[in-house]
Amino acid sequence: MDELFSVLANAQRRRILNELLATSLQTDGGEEILYPAEEFPEEHQTELYHNHLPRLSEAGFIDWNQNTGSVTRGPRFNEISPLLERIKN
């Protein structure tokens, strides 16, 4: 439980997970989200690519392809999705 709350403590990580939750609800979990580096200001790129995406990926909540910038639901996404839904309400 501590790990889930730690991941959700950051607004940028919550945004990534919420985008993935919204996309997966619309498409039964089959879609990916793209986070190409060139679309973000440099200060956000560093934080996103060296902190938030790796942290979510290592925890198993997302699958992140560093080469393409694509993010899909990870093997543990279903563990965190109920909390995401509760936070939104």
PDB file of N, CA and C in Angstrom:
ATOM      1  N   MET A   1       0.812  -1.186   0.000  1.00  0.00           N
ATOM      2  CA  MET A   1       0.000   0.000   0.000  1.00  0.00           C
ATOM      3  C   MET A   1       0.865   1.263   0.000  1.00  0.00           C
ATOM      4  N   ASP A   2       1.960   1.211   0.751  1.00  0.00           N
ATOM      5  CA  ASP A   2       2.855   2.365   0.796  1.00  0.00           C
ATOM      6  C   ASP A   2       3.396   2.701  -0.591  1.00  0.00           C
ATOM      7  N   GLU A   3       3.727   1.657  -1.349  1.00  0.00           N
ATOM      8  CA  GLU A   3       4.248   1.877  -2.696  1.00  0.00           C
ATOM      9  C   GLU A   3       3.208   2.575  -3.578  1.00  0.00           C
ATOM     10  N   LEU A   4       1.957   2.152  -3.482  1.00  0.00           N
ATOM     11  CA  LEU A   4       0.902   2.771  -4.283  1.00  0.00           C
ATOM     12  C   LEU A   4       0.754   4.248  -3.936  1.00  0.00           C
ATOM     13  N   PHE A   5       0.734   4.553  -2.648  1.00  0.00           N
ATOM     14  CA  PHE A   5       0.594   5.947  -2.231  1.00  0.00           C
ATOM     15  C   PHE A   5       1.821   6.777  -2.593  1.00  0.00           C
ATOM     16  N   SER A   6       2.990   6.171  -2.530  1.00  0.00           N
ATOM     17  CA  SER A   6       4.207   6.868  -2.921  1.00  0.00           C
ATOM     18  C   SER A   6       4.170   7.245  -4.400  1.00  0.00           C
ATOM     19  N   VAL A   7       3.727   6.330  -5.227  1.00  0.00           N
ATOM     20  CA  VAL A   7       3.610   6.600  -6.665  1.00  0.00           C
ATOM     21  C   VAL A   7       2.582   7.697  -6.916  1.00  0.00           C
ATOM     22  N   LEU A   8       1.476   7.634  -6.212  1.00  0.00           N
ATOM     23  CA  LEU A   8       0.393   8.604  -6.424  1.00  0.00           C
ATOM     24  C   LEU A   8       0.647   9.950  -5.754  1.00  0.00           C
ATOM     25  N   ALA A   9       1.699  10.066  -4.967  1.00  0.00           N
ATOM     26  CA  ALA A   9       1.988  11.318  -4.259  1.00  0.00           C
ATOM     27  C   ALA A   9       2.413  12.438  -5.200  1.00  0.00           C
ATOM     28  N   ASN A  10       2.867  12.100  -6.393  1.00  0.00           N
ATOM     29  CA  ASN A  10       3.337  13.107  -7.343  1.00  0.00           C
ATOM     30  C   ASN A  10       2.279  13.375  -8.403  1.00  0.00           C
ATOM     31  N   ALA A  11       1.979  14.653  -8.635  1.00  0.00           N
ATOM     32  CA  ALA A  11       0.938  15.041  -9.586  1.00  0.00           C
ATOM     33  C   ALA A  11       1.252  14.610 -11.016  1.00  0.00           C
ATOM     34  N   GLN A  12       2.508  14.658 -11.404  1.00  0.00           N
ATOM     35  CA  GLN A  12       2.862  14.273 -12.772  1.00  0.00           C
ATOM     36  C   GLN A  12       2.675  12.772 -12.991  1.00  0.00           C
ATOM     37  N   ARG A  13       3.028  11.966 -12.008  1.00  0.00           N
ATOM     38  CA  ARG A  13       2.794  10.526 -12.119  1.00  0.00           C
ATOM     39  C   ARG A  13       1.315  10.211 -12.120  1.00  0.00           C
ATOM     40  N   ARG A  14       0.523  10.920 -11.298  1.00  0.00           N
ATOM     41  CA  ARG A  14      -0.929  10.723 -11.309  1.00  0.00           C
ATOM     42  C   ARG A  14      -1.499  11.069 -12.674  1.00  0.00           C
ATOM     43  N   ARG A  15      -0.999  12.149 -13.286  1.00  0.00           N
ATOM     44  CA  ARG A  15      -1.489  12.551 -14.601  1.00  0.00           C
ATOM     45  C   ARG A  15      -1.212  11.465 -15.639  1.00  0.00           C
ATOM     46  N   ILE A  16      -0.007  10.918 -15.629  1.00  0.00           N
ATOM     47  CA  ILE A  16       0.347   9.844 -16.562  1.00  0.00           C
ATOM     48  C   ILE A  16      -0.585   8.651 -16.372  1.00  0.00           C
ATOM     49  N   LEU A  17      -0.757   8.229 -15.135  1.00  0.00           N
ATOM     50  CA  LEU A  17      -1.611   7.074 -14.851  1.00  0.00           C
ATOM     51  C   LEU A  17      -3.067   7.352 -15.184  1.00  0.00           C
ATOM     52  N   ASN A  18      -3.541   8.572 -14.889  1.00  0.00           N
ATOM     53  CA  ASN A  18      -4.926   8.921 -15.225  1.00  0.00           C
ATOM     54  C   ASN A  18      -5.158   8.967 -16.727  1.00  0.00           C
ATOM     55  N   GLU A  19      -4.179   9.463 -17.478  1.00  0.00           N
ATOM     56  CA  GLU A  19      -4.303   9.451 -18.937  1.00  0.00           C
ATOM     57  C   GLU A  19      -4.385   8.021 -19.448  1.00  0.00           C
ATOM     58  N   LEU A  20      -3.569   7.164 -18.884  1.00  0.00           N
ATOM     59  CA  LEU A  20      -3.575   5.766 -19.282  1.00  0.00           C
ATOM     60  C   LEU A  20      -4.879   5.092 -18.877  1.00  0.00           C
ATOM     61  N   LEU A  21      -5.395   5.422 -17.711  1.00  0.00           N
ATOM     62  CA  LEU A  21      -6.676   4.878 -17.258  1.00  0.00           C
ATOM     63  C   LEU A  21      -7.790   5.322 -18.191  1.00  0.00           C
ATOM     64  N   ALA A  22      -7.848   6.596 -18.525  1.00  0.00           N
ATOM     65  CA  ALA A  22      -8.893   7.117 -19.415  1.00  0.00           C
ATOM     66  C   ALA A  22      -8.794   6.478 -20.793  1.00  0.00           C
ATOM     67  N   THR A  23      -7.600   6.356 -21.317  1.00  0.00           N
ATOM     68  CA  THR A  23      -7.403   5.742 -22.626  1.00  0.00           C
ATOM     69  C   THR A  23      -7.791   4.277 -22.598  1.00  0.00           C
ATOM     70  N   SER A  24      -7.404   3.579 -21.548  1.00  0.00           N
ATOM     71  CA  SER A  24      -7.707   2.155 -21.485  1.00  0.00           C
ATOM     72  C   SER A  24      -9.195   1.908 -21.281  1.00  0.00           C
ATOM     73  N   LEU A  25      -9.897   2.801 -20.609  1.00  0.00           N
ATOM     74  CA  LEU A  25     -11.340   2.643 -20.446  1.00  0.00           C
ATOM     75  C   LEU A  25     -12.060   2.805 -21.775  1.00  0.00           C
ATOM     76  N   GLN A  26     -11.548   3.692 -22.622  1.00  0.00           N
ATOM     77  CA  GLN A  26     -12.171   3.936 -23.922  1.00  0.00           C
ATOM     78  C   GLN A  26     -11.870   2.825 -24.916  1.00  0.00           C
ATOM     79  N   THR A  27     -10.763   2.119 -24.731  1.00  0.00           N
ATOM     80  CA  THR A  27     -10.315   1.164 -25.749  1.00  0.00           C
ATOM     81  C   THR A  27     -10.073  -0.232 -25.190  1.00  0.00           C
ATOM     82  N   ASP A  28     -10.606  -0.547 -24.035  1.00  0.00           N
ATOM     83  CA  ASP A  28     -10.402  -1.857 -23.403  1.00  0.00           C
ATOM     84  C   ASP A  28      -8.933  -2.162 -23.149  1.00  0.00           C
ATOM     85  N   GLY A  29      -8.138  -1.143 -22.883  1.00  0.00           N
ATOM     86  CA  GLY A  29      -6.752  -1.346 -22.500  1.00  0.00           C
ATOM     87  C   GLY A  29      -5.784  -1.555 -23.628  1.00  0.00           C
ATOM     88  N   GLY A  30      -6.213  -1.365 -24.868  1.00  0.00           N
ATOM     89  CA  GLY A  30      -5.347  -1.668 -25.989  1.00  0.00           C
ATOM     90  C   GLY A  30      -4.559  -0.507 -26.550  1.00  0.00           C
ATOM     91  N   GLU A  31      -4.730   0.675 -26.052  1.00  0.00           N
ATOM     92  CA  GLU A  31      -4.062   1.840 -26.630  1.00  0.00           C
ATOM     93  C   GLU A  31      -2.835   2.239 -25.838  1.00  0.00           C
ATOM     94  N   GLU A  32      -1.969   2.965 -26.512  1.00  0.00           N
ATOM     95  CA  GLU A  32      -0.781   3.493 -25.870  1.00  0.00           C
ATOM     96  C   GLU A  32      -0.841   5.005 -25.865  1.00  0.00           C
ATOM     97  N   ILE A  33      -0.071   5.584 -24.972  1.00  0.00           N
ATOM     98  CA  ILE A  33       0.078   7.031 -24.891  1.00  0.00           C
ATOM     99  C   ILE A  33       1.505   7.338 -25.311  1.00  0.00           C
ATOM    100  N   LEU A  34       1.700   8.394 -26.057  1.00  0.00           N
ATOM    101  CA  LEU A  34       3.037   8.763 -26.490  1.00  0.00           C
ATOM    102  C   LEU A  34       3.538   9.961 -25.700  1.00  0.00           C
ATOM    103  N   TYR A  35       4.772   9.891 -25.241  1.00  0.00           N
ATOM    104  CA  TYR A  35       5.434  10.977 -24.537  1.00  0.00           C
ATOM    105  C   TYR A  35       6.744  11.297 -25.254  1.00  0.00           C
ATOM    106  N   PRO A  36       6.665  11.815 -26.496  1.00  0.00           N
ATOM    107  CA  PRO A  36       7.914  12.148 -27.191  1.00  0.00           C
ATOM    108  C   PRO A  36       8.607  13.321 -26.505  1.00  0.00           C
ATOM    109  N   ALA A  37       9.897  13.180 -26.299  1.00  0.00           N
ATOM    110  CA  ALA A  37      10.675  14.163 -25.545  1.00  0.00           C
ATOM    111  C   ALA A  37      10.566  15.565 -26.118  1.00  0.00           C
ATOM    112  N   GLU A  38      10.533  15.672 -27.439  1.00  0.00           N
ATOM    113  CA  GLU A  38      10.544  17.001 -28.055  1.00  0.00           C
ATOM    114  C   GLU A  38       9.280  17.814 -27.774  1.00  0.00           C
ATOM    115  N   GLU A  39       8.240  17.196 -27.258  1.00  0.00           N
ATOM    116  CA  GLU A  39       7.009  17.921 -26.966  1.00  0.00           C
ATOM    117  C   GLU A  39       7.001  18.553 -25.577  1.00  0.00           C
ATOM    118  N   PHE A  40       8.042  18.321 -24.798  1.00  0.00           N
ATOM    119  CA  PHE A  40       8.082  18.828 -23.438  1.00  0.00           C
ATOM    120  C   PHE A  40       9.227  19.818 -23.272  1.00  0.00           C
ATOM    121  N   PRO A  41       9.024  20.859 -22.462  1.00  0.00           N
ATOM    122  CA  PRO A  41      10.146  21.754 -22.150  1.00  0.00           C
ATOM    123  C   PRO A  41      11.277  20.943 -21.512  1.00  0.00           C
ATOM    124  N   GLU A  42      12.496  21.404 -21.691  1.00  0.00           N
ATOM    125  CA  GLU A  42      13.664  20.635 -21.241  1.00  0.00           C
ATOM    126  C   GLU A  42      13.613  20.278 -19.761  1.00  0.00           C
ATOM    127  N   GLU A  43      13.164  21.209 -18.922  1.00  0.00           N
ATOM    128  CA  GLU A  43      13.123  20.915 -17.484  1.00  0.00           C
ATOM    129  C   GLU A  43      12.129  19.802 -17.164  1.00  0.00           C
ATOM    130  N   HIS A  44      11.063  19.684 -17.947  1.00  0.00           N
ATOM    131  CA  HIS A  44      10.092  18.608 -17.741  1.00  0.00           C
ATOM    132  C   HIS A  44      10.581  17.292 -18.341  1.00  0.00           C
ATOM    133  N   GLN A  45      11.343  17.370 -19.430  1.00  0.00           N
ATOM    134  CA  GLN A  45      11.897  16.160 -20.041  1.00  0.00           C
ATOM    135  C   GLN A  45      12.773  15.410 -19.049  1.00  0.00           C
ATOM    136  N   THR A  46      13.643  16.152 -18.383  1.00  0.00           N
ATOM    137  CA  THR A  46      14.561  15.531 -17.431  1.00  0.00           C
ATOM    138  C   THR A  46      13.798  14.813 -16.337  1.00  0.00           C
ATOM    139  N   GLU A  47      12.837  15.494 -15.748  1.00  0.00           N
ATOM    140  CA  GLU A  47      12.051  14.906 -14.660  1.00  0.00           C
ATOM    141  C   GLU A  47      11.228  13.723 -15.153  1.00  0.00           C
ATOM    142  N   LEU A  48      10.608  13.884 -16.319  1.00  0.00           N
ATOM    143  CA  LEU A  48       9.759  12.835 -16.870  1.00  0.00           C
ATOM    144  C   LEU A  48      10.570  11.595 -17.233  1.00  0.00           C
ATOM    145  N   TYR A  49      11.673  11.786 -17.956  1.00  0.00           N
ATOM    146  CA  TYR A  49      12.448  10.661 -18.484  1.00  0.00           C
ATOM    147  C   TYR A  49      13.451  10.062 -17.506  1.00  0.00           C
ATOM    148  N   HIS A  50      13.808  10.799 -16.465  1.00  0.00           N
ATOM    149  CA  HIS A  50      14.786  10.269 -15.516  1.00  0.00           C
ATOM    150  C   HIS A  50      14.195   9.981 -14.146  1.00  0.00           C
ATOM    151  N   ASN A  51      12.923  10.296 -13.956  1.00  0.00           N
ATOM    152  CA  ASN A  51      12.294  10.045 -12.662  1.00  0.00           C
ATOM    153  C   ASN A  51      10.951   9.336 -12.823  1.00  0.00           C
ATOM    154  N   HIS A  52       9.961  10.045 -13.361  1.00  0.00           N
ATOM    155  CA  HIS A  52       8.587   9.559 -13.318  1.00  0.00           C
ATOM    156  C   HIS A  52       8.332   8.315 -14.172  1.00  0.00           C
ATOM    157  N   LEU A  53       8.698   8.350 -15.450  1.00  0.00           N
ATOM    158  CA  LEU A  53       8.463   7.182 -16.298  1.00  0.00           C
ATOM    159  C   LEU A  53       9.273   5.971 -15.841  1.00  0.00           C
ATOM    160  N   PRO A  54      10.562   6.124 -15.510  1.00  0.00           N
ATOM    161  CA  PRO A  54      11.297   4.953 -15.011  1.00  0.00           C
ATOM    162  C   PRO A  54      10.717   4.399 -13.705  1.00  0.00           C
ATOM    163  N   ARG A  55      10.300   5.280 -12.834  1.00  0.00           N
ATOM    164  CA  ARG A  55       9.748   4.831 -11.543  1.00  0.00           C
ATOM    165  C   ARG A  55       8.459   4.033 -11.742  1.00  0.00           C
ATOM    166  N   LEU A  56       7.585   4.531 -12.603  1.00  0.00           N
ATOM    167  CA  LEU A  56       6.335   3.817 -12.883  1.00  0.00           C
ATOM    168  C   LEU A  56       6.603   2.495 -13.592  1.00  0.00           C
ATOM    169  N   SER A  57       7.579   2.498 -14.481  1.00  0.00           N
ATOM    170  CA  SER A  57       7.934   1.284 -15.213  1.00  0.00           C
ATOM    171  C   SER A  57       8.551   0.231 -14.292  1.00  0.00           C
ATOM    172  N   GLU A  58       9.487   0.644 -13.447  1.00  0.00           N
ATOM    173  CA  GLU A  58      10.131  -0.289 -12.515  1.00  0.00           C
ATOM    174  C   GLU A  58       9.125  -0.902 -11.548  1.00  0.00           C
ATOM    175  N   ALA A  59       8.110  -0.132 -11.183  1.00  0.00           N
ATOM    176  CA  ALA A  59       7.071  -0.634 -10.278  1.00  0.00           C
ATOM    177  C   ALA A  59       6.101  -1.568 -10.997  1.00  0.00           C
ATOM    178  N   GLY A  60       6.146  -1.570 -12.334  1.00  0.00           N
ATOM    179  CA  GLY A  60       5.264  -2.445 -13.105  1.00  0.00           C
ATOM    180  C   GLY A  60       3.904  -1.858 -13.418  1.00  0.00           C
ATOM    181  N   PHE A  61       3.702  -0.562 -13.122  1.00  0.00           N
ATOM    182  CA  PHE A  61       2.410   0.055 -13.385  1.00  0.00           C
ATOM    183  C   PHE A  61       2.260   0.460 -14.848  1.00  0.00           C
ATOM    184  N   ILE A  62       3.388   0.683 -15.515  1.00  0.00           N
ATOM    185  CA  ILE A  62       3.369   0.996 -16.944  1.00  0.00           C
ATOM    186  C   ILE A  62       4.436   0.161 -17.642  1.00  0.00           C
ATOM    187  N   ASP A  63       4.265   0.003 -18.940  1.00  0.00           N
ATOM    188  CA  ASP A  63       5.325  -0.493 -19.815  1.00  0.00           C
ATOM    189  C   ASP A  63       5.728   0.700 -20.655  1.00  0.00           C
ATOM    190  N   TRP A  64       6.994   1.062 -20.593  1.00  0.00           N
ATOM    191  CA  TRP A  64       7.499   2.271 -21.252  1.00  0.00           C
ATOM    192  C   TRP A  64       8.579   1.893 -22.245  1.00  0.00           C
ATOM    193  N   ASN A  65       8.390   2.276 -23.484  1.00  0.00           N
ATOM    194  CA  ASN A  65       9.396   2.079 -24.520  1.00  0.00           C
ATOM    195  C   ASN A  65      10.179   3.377 -24.640  1.00  0.00           C
ATOM    196  N   GLN A  66      11.402   3.397 -24.170  1.00  0.00           N
ATOM    197  CA  GLN A  66      12.212   4.613 -24.159  1.00  0.00           C
ATOM    198  C   GLN A  66      12.522   5.109 -25.563  1.00  0.00           C
ATOM    199  N   ASN A  67      12.621   4.202 -26.513  1.00  0.00           N
ATOM    200  CA  ASN A  67      12.962   4.595 -27.881  1.00  0.00           C
ATOM    201  C   ASN A  67      11.830   5.341 -28.577  1.00  0.00           C
ATOM    202  N   THR A  68      10.603   4.904 -28.356  1.00  0.00           N
ATOM    203  CA  THR A  68       9.464   5.533 -29.032  1.00  0.00           C
ATOM    204  C   THR A  68       8.721   6.518 -28.145  1.00  0.00           C
ATOM    205  N   GLY A  69       8.942   6.430 -26.820  1.00  0.00           N
ATOM    206  CA  GLY A  69       8.204   7.276 -25.892  1.00  0.00           C
ATOM    207  C   GLY A  69       6.807   6.753 -25.609  1.00  0.00           C
ATOM    208  N   SER A  70       6.510   5.515 -26.024  1.00  0.00           N
ATOM    209  CA  SER A  70       5.163   4.979 -25.817  1.00  0.00           C
ATOM    210  C   SER A  70       5.012   4.380 -24.424  1.00  0.00           C
ATOM    211  N   VAL A  71       3.826   4.545 -23.882  1.00  0.00           N
ATOM    212  CA  VAL A  71       3.485   4.027 -22.560  1.00  0.00           C
ATOM    213  C   VAL A  71       2.188   3.250 -22.687  1.00  0.00           C
ATOM    214  N   THR A  72       2.188   2.036 -22.146  1.00  0.00           N
ATOM    215  CA  THR A  72       0.981   1.220 -22.088  1.00  0.00           C
ATOM    216  C   THR A  72       0.810   0.714 -20.663  1.00  0.00           C
ATOM    217  N   ARG A  73      -0.328   0.113 -20.405  1.00  0.00           N
ATOM    218  CA  ARG A  73      -0.574  -0.448 -19.076  1.00  0.00           C
ATOM    219  C   ARG A  73       0.439  -1.535 -18.769  1.00  0.00           C
ATOM    220  N   GLY A  74       1.003  -1.480 -17.576  1.00  0.00           N
ATOM    221  CA  GLY A  74       1.957  -2.491 -17.143  1.00  0.00           C
ATOM    222  C   GLY A  74       1.248  -3.649 -16.464  1.00  0.00           C
ATOM    223  N   PRO A  75       2.001  -4.675 -16.092  1.00  0.00           N
ATOM    224  CA  PRO A  75       1.403  -5.866 -15.483  1.00  0.00           C
ATOM    225  C   PRO A  75       0.737  -5.605 -14.133  1.00  0.00           C
ATOM    226  N   ARG A  76       1.121  -4.530 -13.456  1.00  0.00           N
ATOM    227  CA  ARG A  76       0.527  -4.206 -12.155  1.00  0.00           C
ATOM    228  C   ARG A  76      -0.451  -3.038 -12.224  1.00  0.00           C
ATOM    229  N   PHE A  77      -0.812  -2.593 -13.422  1.00  0.00           N
ATOM    230  CA  PHE A  77      -1.695  -1.433 -13.556  1.00  0.00           C
ATOM    231  C   PHE A  77      -3.026  -1.648 -12.832  1.00  0.00           C
ATOM    232  N   ASN A  78      -3.548  -2.860 -12.886  1.00  0.00           N
ATOM    233  CA  ASN A  78      -4.840  -3.137 -12.237  1.00  0.00           C
ATOM    234  C   ASN A  78      -4.789  -2.989 -10.716  1.00  0.00           C
ATOM    235  N   GLU A  79      -3.592  -3.042 -10.135  1.00  0.00           N
ATOM    236  CA  GLU A  79      -3.460  -2.833  -8.685  1.00  0.00           C
ATOM    237  C   GLU A  79      -3.679  -1.370  -8.312  1.00  0.00           C
ATOM    238  N   ILE A  80      -3.314  -0.470  -9.196  1.00  0.00           N
ATOM    239  CA  ILE A  80      -3.386   0.957  -8.872  1.00  0.00           C
ATOM    240  C   ILE A  80      -4.636   1.626  -9.454  1.00  0.00           C
ATOM    241  N   SER A  81      -5.250   1.011 -10.451  1.00  0.00           N
ATOM    242  CA  SER A  81      -6.403   1.654 -11.098  1.00  0.00           C
ATOM    243  C   SER A  81      -7.589   1.905 -10.165  1.00  0.00           C
ATOM    244  N   PRO A  82      -7.910   1.019  -9.199  1.00  0.00           N
ATOM    245  CA  PRO A  82      -9.007   1.349  -8.286  1.00  0.00           C
ATOM    246  C   PRO A  82      -8.745   2.617  -7.467  1.00  0.00           C
ATOM    247  N   LEU A  83      -7.495   2.797  -7.045  1.00  0.00           N
ATOM    248  CA  LEU A  83      -7.157   4.016  -6.298  1.00  0.00           C
ATOM    249  C   LEU A  83      -7.270   5.242  -7.195  1.00  0.00           C
ATOM    250  N   LEU A  84      -6.840   5.128  -8.438  1.00  0.00           N
ATOM    251  CA  LEU A  84      -6.957   6.243  -9.377  1.00  0.00           C
ATOM    252  C   LEU A  84      -8.420   6.644  -9.549  1.00  0.00           C
ATOM    253  N   GLU A  85      -9.273   5.659  -9.692  1.00  0.00           N
ATOM    254  CA  GLU A  85     -10.700   5.933  -9.865  1.00  0.00           C
ATOM    255  C   GLU A  85     -11.291   6.610  -8.632  1.00  0.00           C
ATOM    256  N   ARG A  86     -10.872   6.184  -7.439  1.00  0.00           N
ATOM    257  CA  ARG A  86     -11.380   6.784  -6.201  1.00  0.00           C
ATOM    258  C   ARG A  86     -10.900   8.215  -6.030  1.00  0.00           C
ATOM    259  N   ILE A  87      -9.670   8.483  -6.402  1.00  0.00           N
ATOM    260  CA  ILE A  87      -9.102   9.827  -6.274  1.00  0.00           C
ATOM    261  C   ILE A  87      -9.828  10.801  -7.192  1.00  0.00           C
ATOM    262  N   LYS A  88     -10.209  10.342  -8.368  1.00  0.00           N
ATOM    263  CA  LYS A  88     -10.874  11.197  -9.330  1.00  0.00           C
ATOM    264  C   LYS A  88     -12.264  11.619  -8.851  1.00  0.00           C
ATOM    265  N   ASN A  89     -12.904  10.793  -8.055  1.00  0.00           N
ATOM    266  CA  ASN A  89     -14.281  11.083  -7.591  1.00  0.00           C
ATOM    267  C   ASN A  89     -14.300  11.911  -6.342  1.00  0.00           C
TER     268      ASN A  89
END
